[in-house]
């Protein structure tokens, strides 16, 4: 019997590569129960936009984008990227305070990223007065700030670990700010699965994803070595640190605290008029 092919969208970054190491091997290193995964590697903003159209069966997504696709997709209980006391960072060429950012032009990695949602919760909804955004590819933002093309930059992915190499200054870590506000981790990204697959397939596939993550956590050294191919400007030590920040016990299961963090983030986003309100968030448990 031929395996059923299914497309899995994720970013070409060390944390996502680490998560899906077992599934990216030929043959896969875990049982896939009749599913064959076609990996679609694109930046998170592109994946968010594709999710709006329901194009991929499974995809990584920014939590910010989820309210716009909740009619087509459900969140899987595994695959989360949680900033537990850390997260996206706002950096500048010269030291600034948070108040100094008001009215400034800030480079952002996409307007559907959770980083952008959290920035608006910090400074207020983008209106030209609070701040002005300029969308730039995430890996080009540090250099744009260093050149003075923008007043500040909103960093995600490995730029959070390497910005000091360009002499940039940290204004605020949004994960630290969010935790101080709420006592909760900042839910940045997750995986969603398309509802039209049906409940049984959604659960089966989610179970395979969880086992892939578990395999990488249990075979960390080999999975980190694989992820190095996707780490821009990261040596092995930094890649290992980055992976540990975003692939951990939270990634195996949001748990009650992680679910609460998502609900509160999206509730506050809706109250601020940034995202549509969602009555109930469903999680596929596998």
Protein backbone atom coordinates (compact mmCIF):
# COMPACT_ATOMS: atom_id res chain seq x y z
CA UNK A 1 0.00 0.00 0.00
CA UNK A 2 1.41 3.39 -1.02
CA UNK A 3 1.87 5.93 1.80
CA UNK A 4 -0.41 8.96 1.78
CA UNK A 5 1.54 12.10 0.94
CA UNK A 6 1.05 15.16 3.10
CA UNK A 7 2.76 18.56 2.96
CA UNK A 8 4.47 19.86 6.10
CA UNK A 9 5.37 23.54 6.02
CA UNK A 10 8.07 24.86 8.32
CA UNK A 11 10.75 27.50 8.34
CA UNK A 12 14.35 26.78 7.26
CA UNK A 13 15.63 27.48 10.76
CA UNK A 14 17.54 25.37 13.29
CA UNK A 15 14.63 24.86 15.69
CA UNK A 16 12.19 23.61 13.04
CA UNK A 17 14.92 21.53 11.37
CA UNK A 18 15.70 19.98 14.75
CA UNK A 19 12.04 19.13 15.37
CA UNK A 20 11.59 17.35 12.07
CA UNK A 21 15.02 15.71 11.81
CA UNK A 22 13.54 12.21 12.03
CA UNK A 23 10.97 12.89 9.32
CA UNK A 24 13.48 14.53 6.98
CA UNK A 25 15.65 11.40 6.75
CA UNK A 26 15.21 8.81 4.02
CA UNK A 27 13.88 6.50 5.26
CA UNK A 28 12.34 8.30 8.27
CA UNK A 29 13.78 7.38 11.66
CA UNK A 30 10.34 6.87 13.24
CA UNK A 31 7.17 5.04 12.24
CA UNK A 32 5.00 7.28 10.08
CA UNK A 33 1.94 4.99 10.05
CA UNK A 34 1.27 5.24 6.33
CA UNK A 35 2.03 8.95 5.91
CA UNK A 36 4.78 10.40 3.73
CA UNK A 37 5.80 13.93 4.61
CA UNK A 38 6.80 16.40 1.92
CA UNK A 39 8.74 19.19 3.60
CA UNK A 40 7.95 22.71 2.39
CA UNK A 41 10.60 25.14 3.69
CA UNK A 42 9.62 28.82 3.69
CA UNK A 43 9.93 31.80 6.00
CA UNK A 44 7.22 32.15 8.63
CA UNK A 45 5.56 35.18 7.03
CA UNK A 46 5.11 33.23 3.79
CA UNK A 47 3.76 30.23 5.71
CA UNK A 48 1.31 32.50 7.55
CA UNK A 49 0.05 33.84 4.21
CA UNK A 50 -0.27 30.33 2.75
CA UNK A 51 -2.24 29.25 5.81
CA UNK A 52 -4.71 32.07 5.15
CA UNK A 53 -5.45 30.32 1.85
CA UNK A 54 -5.48 26.83 3.41
CA UNK A 55 -2.80 25.62 1.01
CA UNK A 56 -0.78 23.18 3.17
CA UNK A 57 -2.16 20.25 5.15
CA UNK A 58 0.16 20.96 8.10
CA UNK A 59 2.16 24.10 8.66
CA UNK A 60 4.07 26.06 11.21
CA UNK A 61 2.25 29.28 11.96
CA UNK A 62 2.62 32.38 14.11
CA UNK A 63 0.13 32.39 16.98
CA UNK A 64 -0.76 35.92 15.81
CA UNK A 65 -2.02 34.45 12.53
CA UNK A 66 -4.13 31.70 14.07
CA UNK A 67 -7.37 33.73 14.55
CA UNK A 68 -7.41 34.33 10.78
CA UNK A 69 -7.19 30.62 9.93
CA UNK A 70 -9.08 28.99 12.80
CA UNK A 71 -11.95 28.14 10.45
CA UNK A 72 -9.60 26.01 8.32
CA UNK A 73 -7.05 24.73 10.84
CA UNK A 74 -6.77 23.46 14.40
CA UNK A 75 -3.67 23.82 16.57
CA UNK A 76 -1.74 20.64 17.31
CA UNK A 77 -0.85 20.20 20.97
CA UNK A 78 2.82 19.73 20.02
CA UNK A 79 5.28 21.77 17.98
CA UNK A 80 5.05 25.02 19.90
CA UNK A 81 7.77 27.65 20.15
CA UNK A 82 7.43 29.26 23.56
CA UNK A 83 9.53 32.11 24.88
CA UNK A 84 9.83 31.21 28.55
CA UNK A 85 11.36 34.41 29.90
CA UNK A 86 12.80 35.38 26.51
CA UNK A 87 11.50 36.13 23.05
CA UNK A 88 11.65 38.58 20.15
CA UNK A 89 13.90 41.55 20.81
CA UNK A 90 13.84 45.19 19.80
CA UNK A 91 17.34 46.47 19.05
CA UNK A 92 18.80 49.83 18.02
CA UNK A 93 22.14 51.31 16.90
CA UNK A 94 22.35 53.49 20.02
CA UNK A 95 20.86 52.86 23.48
CA UNK A 96 17.17 53.77 23.71
CA UNK A 97 14.31 53.35 26.15
CA UNK A 98 10.90 51.90 25.26
CA UNK A 99 9.42 55.43 25.24
CA UNK A 100 12.12 56.50 22.78
CA UNK A 101 10.65 54.02 20.25
CA UNK A 102 7.41 55.96 19.91
CA UNK A 103 7.01 57.42 16.45
CA UNK A 104 10.08 55.60 15.19
CA UNK A 105 10.38 53.33 12.15
CA UNK A 106 10.84 49.73 13.26
CA UNK A 107 11.83 46.91 10.92
CA UNK A 108 9.58 43.89 11.48
CA UNK A 109 9.77 40.35 10.05
CA UNK A 110 6.11 40.31 8.98
CA UNK A 111 2.79 41.74 10.11
CA UNK A 112 1.35 38.33 10.99
CA UNK A 113 4.25 37.31 13.23
CA UNK A 114 3.63 37.04 16.95
CA UNK A 115 6.59 39.36 17.41
CA UNK A 116 4.60 42.08 15.63
CA UNK A 117 1.48 41.39 17.71
CA UNK A 118 3.51 41.65 20.93
CA UNK A 119 5.20 44.84 19.71
CA UNK A 120 1.75 46.39 19.31
CA UNK A 121 0.70 45.23 22.77
CA UNK A 122 3.81 47.01 24.07
CA UNK A 123 3.60 50.30 22.10
CA UNK A 124 -0.02 50.36 21.00
CA UNK A 125 -1.58 49.50 17.67
CA UNK A 126 0.44 50.76 14.74
CA UNK A 127 -1.04 54.09 13.71
CA UNK A 128 1.93 56.22 12.68
CA UNK A 129 2.02 57.87 16.08
CA UNK A 130 2.92 54.87 18.21
CA UNK A 131 5.40 53.61 15.62
CA UNK A 132 5.78 52.93 11.90
CA UNK A 133 6.69 49.45 10.68
CA UNK A 134 8.77 48.41 7.70
CA UNK A 135 8.61 44.75 6.69
CA UNK A 136 12.06 43.28 6.02
CA UNK A 137 13.14 39.64 5.75
CA UNK A 138 13.95 38.52 9.29
CA UNK A 139 17.60 37.67 8.58
CA UNK A 140 18.25 41.10 7.01
CA UNK A 141 16.90 43.15 9.92
CA UNK A 142 20.07 43.32 12.07
CA UNK A 143 22.12 44.70 9.16
CA UNK A 144 19.36 47.19 8.28
CA UNK A 145 19.47 48.54 11.84
CA UNK A 146 23.28 48.66 11.83
CA UNK A 147 23.24 50.66 8.56
CA UNK A 148 20.69 53.12 9.92
CA UNK A 149 18.04 52.21 7.32
CA UNK A 150 15.52 52.03 10.19
CA UNK A 151 15.45 53.35 13.75
CA UNK A 152 15.02 49.93 15.36
CA UNK A 153 14.57 46.28 14.48
CA UNK A 154 12.37 43.52 15.78
CA UNK A 155 14.48 40.36 15.89
CA UNK A 156 13.31 36.76 15.73
CA UNK A 157 15.16 33.47 15.25
CA UNK A 158 18.94 33.41 15.67
CA UNK A 159 19.28 37.18 15.35
CA UNK A 160 18.34 37.20 19.05
CA UNK A 161 21.70 35.57 19.78
CA UNK A 162 23.93 37.35 17.26
CA UNK A 163 22.87 41.02 17.25
CA UNK A 164 25.67 42.08 19.59
CA UNK A 165 28.21 41.08 16.94
CA UNK A 166 26.98 44.12 14.97
CA UNK A 167 27.28 46.42 17.98
CA UNK A 168 23.49 46.75 18.39
CA UNK A 169 21.77 47.54 21.67
CA UNK A 170 18.84 45.73 23.26
CA UNK A 171 15.89 47.98 24.11
CA UNK A 172 13.48 45.30 25.32
CA UNK A 173 13.09 41.53 25.19
CA UNK A 174 9.36 41.05 24.55
CA UNK A 175 9.37 37.62 26.19
CA UNK A 176 10.70 39.15 29.41
CA UNK A 177 8.15 41.98 29.16
CA UNK A 178 5.24 39.59 28.56
CA UNK A 179 6.22 37.32 31.46
CA UNK A 180 6.48 40.34 33.78
CA UNK A 181 2.98 41.40 32.68
CA UNK A 182 1.32 37.98 32.91
CA UNK A 183 3.53 35.43 34.65
CA UNK A 184 3.24 33.28 31.51
CA UNK A 185 5.56 32.27 28.67
CA UNK A 186 5.12 34.05 25.33
CA UNK A 187 3.58 31.65 22.76
CA UNK A 188 5.29 32.56 19.51
CA UNK A 189 4.53 29.79 17.05
CA UNK A 190 2.80 26.47 16.70
CA UNK A 191 1.77 23.87 14.18
CA UNK A 192 -1.69 23.71 12.68
CA UNK A 193 -3.39 20.92 10.77
CA UNK A 194 -6.17 21.33 8.24
CA UNK A 195 -9.62 20.39 9.47
CA UNK A 196 -10.76 18.86 6.17
CA UNK A 197 -8.40 15.91 6.74
CA UNK A 198 -10.92 14.59 9.23
CA UNK A 199 -10.58 13.89 12.94
CA UNK A 200 -8.86 10.50 12.62
CA UNK A 201 -6.17 11.73 10.21
CA UNK A 202 -5.63 14.89 12.25
CA UNK A 203 -4.97 12.81 15.35
CA UNK A 204 -2.77 10.27 13.53
CA UNK A 205 -0.58 12.92 11.91
CA UNK A 206 -0.29 14.92 15.13
CA UNK A 207 0.93 11.76 16.85
CA UNK A 208 3.67 11.35 14.23
CA UNK A 209 4.76 14.96 14.69
CA UNK A 210 5.00 14.48 18.44
CA UNK A 211 7.15 11.37 17.99
CA UNK A 212 9.46 13.26 15.63
CA UNK A 213 9.99 15.95 18.27
CA UNK A 214 10.50 13.32 20.97
CA UNK A 215 13.06 11.50 18.81
CA UNK A 216 15.10 14.68 18.36
CA UNK A 217 15.04 15.47 22.06
CA UNK A 218 16.23 11.92 22.81
CA UNK A 219 18.93 12.04 20.07
CA UNK A 220 19.89 15.64 20.63
CA UNK A 221 23.49 15.60 19.34
CA UNK A 222 22.61 14.14 15.93
CA UNK A 223 19.56 16.35 15.56
CA UNK A 224 21.57 19.48 16.42
CA UNK A 225 24.24 18.46 13.90
CA UNK A 226 21.50 18.23 11.26
CA UNK A 227 20.03 21.60 12.30
CA UNK A 228 23.41 23.33 11.82
CA UNK A 229 22.78 23.31 8.06
CA UNK A 230 19.99 25.81 8.70
CA UNK A 231 21.77 28.11 11.17
CA UNK A 232 22.91 31.40 9.68
CA UNK A 233 25.99 32.70 11.53
CA UNK A 234 25.61 30.09 14.26
CA UNK A 235 28.38 27.83 15.46
CA UNK A 236 27.45 24.54 17.09
CA UNK A 237 27.30 25.98 20.62
CA UNK A 238 24.97 28.80 19.58
CA UNK A 239 22.85 26.44 17.47
CA UNK A 240 22.48 24.12 20.45
CA UNK A 241 21.51 27.07 22.65
CA UNK A 242 18.97 28.34 20.12
CA UNK A 243 17.41 24.91 19.69
CA UNK A 244 17.17 24.51 23.46
CA UNK A 245 15.34 27.84 23.73
CA UNK A 246 12.58 26.82 21.35
CA UNK A 247 12.44 23.00 21.31
CA UNK A 248 11.86 21.60 24.79
CA UNK A 249 9.10 20.21 27.00
CA UNK A 250 6.77 23.00 25.83
CA UNK A 251 7.22 21.68 22.29
CA UNK A 252 6.06 18.19 23.21
CA UNK A 253 2.88 19.59 24.74
CA UNK A 254 1.67 23.11 25.49
CA UNK A 255 0.23 21.88 28.77
CA UNK A 256 -2.35 23.87 30.71
CA UNK A 257 -0.03 26.85 31.21
CA UNK A 258 0.88 27.04 27.53
CA UNK A 259 -2.76 26.84 26.48
CA UNK A 260 -3.60 29.62 28.93
CA UNK A 261 -0.79 31.75 27.48
CA UNK A 262 -2.21 31.41 23.95
CA UNK A 263 -5.73 32.23 25.11
CA UNK A 264 -4.55 35.32 27.00
CA UNK A 265 -2.30 36.60 24.21
CA UNK A 266 -5.08 36.35 21.63
CA UNK A 267 -7.65 37.76 24.07
CA UNK A 268 -5.49 40.82 24.66
CA UNK A 269 -4.85 41.11 20.94
CA UNK A 270 -8.61 41.07 20.29
CA UNK A 271 -9.30 43.61 23.05
CA UNK A 272 -6.72 45.92 21.44
CA UNK A 273 -8.41 45.54 18.05
CA UNK A 274 -5.40 43.77 16.54
CA UNK A 275 -6.87 40.31 15.86
CA UNK A 276 -10.38 38.83 15.58
CA UNK A 277 -11.76 37.29 18.75
CA UNK A 278 -11.92 33.49 19.04
CA UNK A 279 -14.55 31.90 21.28
CA UNK A 280 -12.71 28.61 21.84
CA UNK A 281 -9.28 27.36 20.77
CA UNK A 282 -9.17 23.66 19.87
CA UNK A 283 -6.05 21.52 20.24
CA UNK A 284 -5.51 18.24 18.41
CA UNK A 285 -3.92 15.86 20.91
CA UNK A 286 -2.89 12.94 18.70
